[in-house]
Amino acid sequence: MSIDPTNTRWMKSSYSQSGGNCIEVAPNFPGVVPVRDSKNPEGPALIVPAASWSAFVAGVRAGDFGAV
């Protein structure tokens, strides 16, 4: 799957404020979640299956990965 970063609606967490160490996600693709580095918006996006992304987010919320 190819993602055109110029025609994609990207979002990042409101918790990231103005810091540059963030990821952005594009929630408007069925079945997958494109993820990219906010410091390199023209760079490549990692395409993650939606179910895997949901499991990752649930793990973060549950504290499964410890403090960062």
C-alpha atoms as a PDB file:
ATOM      1  CA  MET A   1       0.000   0.000   0.000  1.00  0.00           C
ATOM      2  CA  SER A   2       1.281   3.441  -0.888  1.00  0.00           C
ATOM      3  CA  ILE A   3       0.418   6.516   1.177  1.00  0.00           C
ATOM      4  CA  ASP A   4       0.524   9.992  -0.356  1.00  0.00           C
ATOM      5  CA  PRO A   5       1.451  12.200   2.642  1.00  0.00           C
ATOM      6  CA  THR A   6       0.184  15.345   0.923  1.00  0.00           C
ATOM      7  CA  ASN A   7      -3.365  13.989   0.499  1.00  0.00           C
ATOM      8  CA  THR A   8      -3.693  12.307   3.880  1.00  0.00           C
ATOM      9  CA  ARG A   9      -5.256  13.669   7.073  1.00  0.00           C
ATOM     10  CA  TRP A  10      -2.649  13.083   9.786  1.00  0.00           C
ATOM     11  CA  MET A  11      -3.273  13.376  13.527  1.00  0.00           C
ATOM     12  CA  LYS A  12      -1.089  13.341  16.618  1.00  0.00           C
ATOM     13  CA  SER A  13      -1.919  13.151  20.283  1.00  0.00           C
ATOM     14  CA  SER A  14      -3.010  16.308  22.053  1.00  0.00           C
ATOM     15  CA  TYR A  15      -0.558  15.250  24.785  1.00  0.00           C
ATOM     16  CA  SER A  16       2.385  15.818  22.435  1.00  0.00           C
ATOM     17  CA  GLN A  17       1.982  19.620  22.613  1.00  0.00           C
ATOM     18  CA  SER A  18       4.583  21.377  20.469  1.00  0.00           C
ATOM     19  CA  GLY A  19       7.404  18.876  20.969  1.00  0.00           C
ATOM     20  CA  GLY A  20       8.928  17.290  17.900  1.00  0.00           C
ATOM     21  CA  ASN A  21       9.289  13.736  19.227  1.00  0.00           C
ATOM     22  CA  CYS A  22       5.917  12.480  18.077  1.00  0.00           C
ATOM     23  CA  ILE A  23       4.291  10.041  15.757  1.00  0.00           C
ATOM     24  CA  GLU A  24       1.311  10.856  13.595  1.00  0.00           C
ATOM     25  CA  VAL A  25      -1.397   8.476  12.452  1.00  0.00           C
ATOM     26  CA  ALA A  26      -3.833   8.615   9.565  1.00  0.00           C
ATOM     27  CA  PRO A  27      -7.140   7.156  10.793  1.00  0.00           C
ATOM     28  CA  ASN A  28      -8.994   7.339   7.487  1.00  0.00           C
ATOM     29  CA  PHE A  29      -7.799   4.092   5.845  1.00  0.00           C
ATOM     30  CA  PRO A  30      -9.962   0.967   6.176  1.00  0.00           C
ATOM     31  CA  GLY A  31      -8.212  -1.953   7.835  1.00  0.00           C
ATOM     32  CA  VAL A  32      -4.830  -0.277   8.360  1.00  0.00           C
ATOM     33  CA  VAL A  33      -3.301   2.597  10.324  1.00  0.00           C
ATOM     34  CA  PRO A  34      -0.455   4.479   8.631  1.00  0.00           C
ATOM     35  CA  VAL A  35       2.085   5.786  11.179  1.00  0.00           C
ATOM     36  CA  ARG A  36       4.851   8.316  10.489  1.00  0.00           C
ATOM     37  CA  ASP A  37       7.487  10.379  12.286  1.00  0.00           C
ATOM     38  CA  SER A  38       6.256  13.948  12.808  1.00  0.00           C
ATOM     39  CA  LYS A  39       9.814  15.260  12.332  1.00  0.00           C
ATOM     40  CA  ASN A  40       9.886  13.791   8.821  1.00  0.00           C
ATOM     41  CA  PRO A  41       6.402  14.317   7.356  1.00  0.00           C
ATOM     42  CA  GLU A  42       7.566  13.647   3.792  1.00  0.00           C
ATOM     43  CA  GLY A  43       9.268  10.407   4.846  1.00  0.00           C
ATOM     44  CA  PRO A  44       7.854   6.895   4.707  1.00  0.00           C
ATOM     45  CA  ALA A  45       4.854   5.706   6.672  1.00  0.00           C
ATOM     46  CA  LEU A  46       4.702   2.390   8.487  1.00  0.00           C
ATOM     47  CA  ILE A  47       1.471   0.570   7.617  1.00  0.00           C
ATOM     48  CA  VAL A  48       0.075  -1.306  10.638  1.00  0.00           C
ATOM     49  CA  PRO A  49      -2.990  -3.590  10.559  1.00  0.00           C
ATOM     50  CA  ALA A  50      -5.843  -1.855  12.415  1.00  0.00           C
ATOM     51  CA  ALA A  51      -6.270  -4.757  14.860  1.00  0.00           C
ATOM     52  CA  SER A  52      -2.566  -4.633  15.758  1.00  0.00           C
ATOM     53  CA  TRP A  53      -2.725  -0.866  16.262  1.00  0.00           C
ATOM     54  CA  SER A  54      -5.755  -1.253  18.538  1.00  0.00           C
ATOM     55  CA  ALA A  55      -3.938  -3.908  20.581  1.00  0.00           C
ATOM     56  CA  PHE A  56      -0.881  -1.652  20.882  1.00  0.00           C
ATOM     57  CA  VAL A  57      -2.964   1.331  22.047  1.00  0.00           C
ATOM     58  CA  ALA A  58      -4.799  -0.876  24.562  1.00  0.00           C
ATOM     59  CA  GLY A  59      -1.440  -2.077  25.887  1.00  0.00           C
ATOM     60  CA  VAL A  60      -0.173   1.489  26.262  1.00  0.00           C
ATOM     61  CA  ARG A  61      -3.322   2.494  28.132  1.00  0.00           C
ATOM     62  CA  ALA A  62      -3.025  -0.559  30.408  1.00  0.00           C
ATOM     63  CA  GLY A  63       0.614   0.224  31.204  1.00  0.00           C
ATOM     64  CA  ASP A  64       1.841  -3.037  29.688  1.00  0.00           C
ATOM     65  CA  PHE A  65       5.035  -1.413  28.401  1.00  0.00           C
ATOM     66  CA  GLY A  66       6.065   0.372  31.598  1.00  0.00           C
ATOM     67  CA  ALA A  67       7.191   3.965  31.883  1.00  0.00           C
ATOM     68  CA  VAL A  68       9.045   5.538  29.017  1.00  0.00           C
END
